Amino acid sequence: MALQPHILSDKDGTFGPEGGGPDSGLLTKTKTRTQRPPMYKVMLLNDDYTPMEFVVHILERFFGLNHAQSFDIMLTVHKKGLAVVGVFSYEIAETKVAQVMDFARRHQHPLQCTMEKE
């Protein structure tokens, strides 16, 4: 005995081989886009008291920059008054600012580090 395929009809509200039925139409899939978090610039500000070597050390220690990169950024801070050290998510930027400020205070330097929304 051969099995006959069952073809659903429009009578029972389901799809037949040609489609139809109350739920016919295109099936659309909604794509959810995750929005990137806002980014924050971390900046060092120049002062007349913090030694240049200390600023280079800060950049190497807390921002993972090599000596040449750290020296270039330190010179930018010295000549222009401030420099962007990096761009991070809010939590990371906040942590970096706190680390730099705490380290500078413990070493009795008035170095200022701030962050602002990019």
Protein backbone atom coordinates (compact mmCIF):
# COMPACT_ATOMS: atom_id res chain seq x y z
CA MET A 1 0.00 0.00 0.00
CA ALA A 2 1.47 3.37 -1.04
CA LEU A 3 1.04 6.36 1.18
CA GLN A 4 -0.68 9.34 -0.36
CA PRO A 5 0.72 12.75 0.60
CA HIS A 6 -1.75 14.80 2.54
CA ILE A 7 -2.37 18.17 0.95
CA LEU A 8 -3.72 20.74 3.33
CA SER A 9 -6.45 22.89 1.93
CA ASP A 10 -7.58 26.44 2.46
CA LYS A 11 -10.75 25.09 4.02
CA ASP A 12 -9.08 24.34 7.32
CA GLY A 13 -7.11 27.63 7.34
CA THR A 14 -3.73 26.09 6.61
CA PHE A 15 -1.41 26.24 3.67
CA GLY A 16 -1.86 24.13 0.59
CA PRO A 17 0.76 23.48 -2.06
CA GLU A 18 0.06 26.89 -3.63
CA GLY A 19 0.01 28.75 -0.32
CA GLY A 20 -2.97 30.72 0.86
CA GLY A 21 -4.76 30.64 4.16
CA PRO A 22 -5.17 33.41 6.65
CA ASP A 23 -1.48 33.48 7.60
CA SER A 24 -0.13 33.68 4.07
CA GLY A 25 2.35 36.38 3.20
CA LEU A 26 5.99 37.01 3.61
CA LEU A 27 7.63 36.01 6.79
CA THR A 28 9.78 38.90 7.91
CA LYS A 29 12.54 38.61 10.41
CA THR A 30 13.29 41.66 12.54
CA LYS A 31 16.99 42.23 12.92
CA THR A 32 17.97 43.66 16.22
CA ARG A 33 20.99 45.90 16.08
CA THR A 34 22.97 46.35 19.20
CA GLN A 35 23.98 49.94 19.57
CA ARG A 36 27.61 50.63 20.29
CA PRO A 37 28.19 52.20 23.68
CA PRO A 38 29.30 55.83 23.67
CA MET A 39 33.06 56.24 23.77
CA TYR A 40 35.03 58.59 26.00
CA LYS A 41 38.34 60.36 25.40
CA VAL A 42 40.84 60.21 28.24
CA MET A 43 43.04 63.31 28.34
CA LEU A 44 46.09 64.44 30.27
CA LEU A 45 46.41 68.12 31.14
CA ASN A 46 49.65 70.03 31.40
CA ASP A 47 50.88 71.58 34.62
CA ASP A 48 54.11 73.31 35.60
CA TYR A 49 55.13 70.85 38.30
CA THR A 50 54.77 67.22 37.19
CA PRO A 51 58.07 65.93 35.78
CA MET A 52 58.04 64.83 32.15
CA GLU A 53 59.52 61.46 33.09
CA PHE A 54 56.61 60.84 35.45
CA VAL A 55 54.10 61.52 32.65
CA VAL A 56 55.96 59.09 30.38
CA HIS A 57 55.84 56.49 33.16
CA ILE A 58 52.08 57.02 33.59
CA LEU A 59 51.48 56.53 29.85
CA GLU A 60 53.53 53.35 29.75
CA ARG A 61 52.07 51.88 32.94
CA PHE A 62 48.35 52.66 32.61
CA PHE A 63 47.88 52.94 28.85
CA GLY A 64 50.26 50.25 27.63
CA LEU A 65 52.14 52.58 25.31
CA ASN A 66 55.77 52.04 24.39
CA HIS A 67 58.42 54.56 25.38
CA ALA A 68 58.44 56.41 22.03
CA GLN A 69 54.63 56.75 21.96
CA SER A 70 54.60 57.89 25.59
CA PHE A 71 57.32 60.46 24.95
CA ASP A 72 55.44 61.88 21.92
CA ILE A 73 52.19 62.22 23.88
CA MET A 74 54.03 63.79 26.82
CA LEU A 75 55.51 66.39 24.47
CA THR A 76 52.04 67.10 23.03
CA VAL A 77 50.70 67.65 26.56
CA HIS A 78 53.66 69.91 27.35
CA LYS A 79 53.38 72.01 24.16
CA LYS A 80 49.61 72.13 23.60
CA GLY A 81 48.33 71.94 27.17
CA LEU A 82 46.52 68.63 26.79
CA ALA A 83 46.47 65.45 24.73
CA VAL A 84 44.06 62.60 24.17
CA VAL A 85 45.68 59.47 25.53
CA GLY A 86 43.04 56.99 24.41
CA VAL A 87 39.37 56.40 23.66
CA PHE A 88 37.49 53.86 25.77
CA SER A 89 34.06 52.78 26.95
CA TYR A 90 32.76 54.73 29.96
CA GLU A 91 33.79 52.17 32.58
CA ILE A 92 37.30 51.73 31.24
CA ALA A 93 37.83 55.48 30.80
CA GLU A 94 36.60 56.12 34.34
CA THR A 95 38.95 53.47 35.71
CA LYS A 96 41.95 54.86 33.81
CA VAL A 97 41.27 58.40 35.06
CA ALA A 98 40.97 57.16 38.65
CA GLN A 99 44.18 55.11 38.37
CA VAL A 100 46.18 58.03 36.97
CA MET A 101 44.82 60.52 39.49
CA ASP A 102 45.44 58.18 42.43
CA PHE A 103 48.96 57.34 41.28
CA ALA A 104 49.82 61.03 40.75
CA ARG A 105 48.48 61.97 44.22
CA ARG A 106 50.40 59.16 45.89
CA HIS A 107 53.56 60.54 44.27
CA GLN A 108 52.61 64.11 45.21
CA HIS A 109 52.18 65.38 41.65
CA PRO A 110 49.31 67.66 40.57
CA LEU A 111 48.83 65.88 37.23
CA GLN A 112 45.23 66.09 35.97
CA CYS A 113 43.53 63.41 33.93
CA THR A 114 39.99 63.87 32.62
CA MET A 115 37.50 62.22 30.31
CA GLU A 116 34.82 63.53 27.99
CA LYS A 117 32.30 61.98 25.65
CA GLU A 118 33.61 61.61 22.13
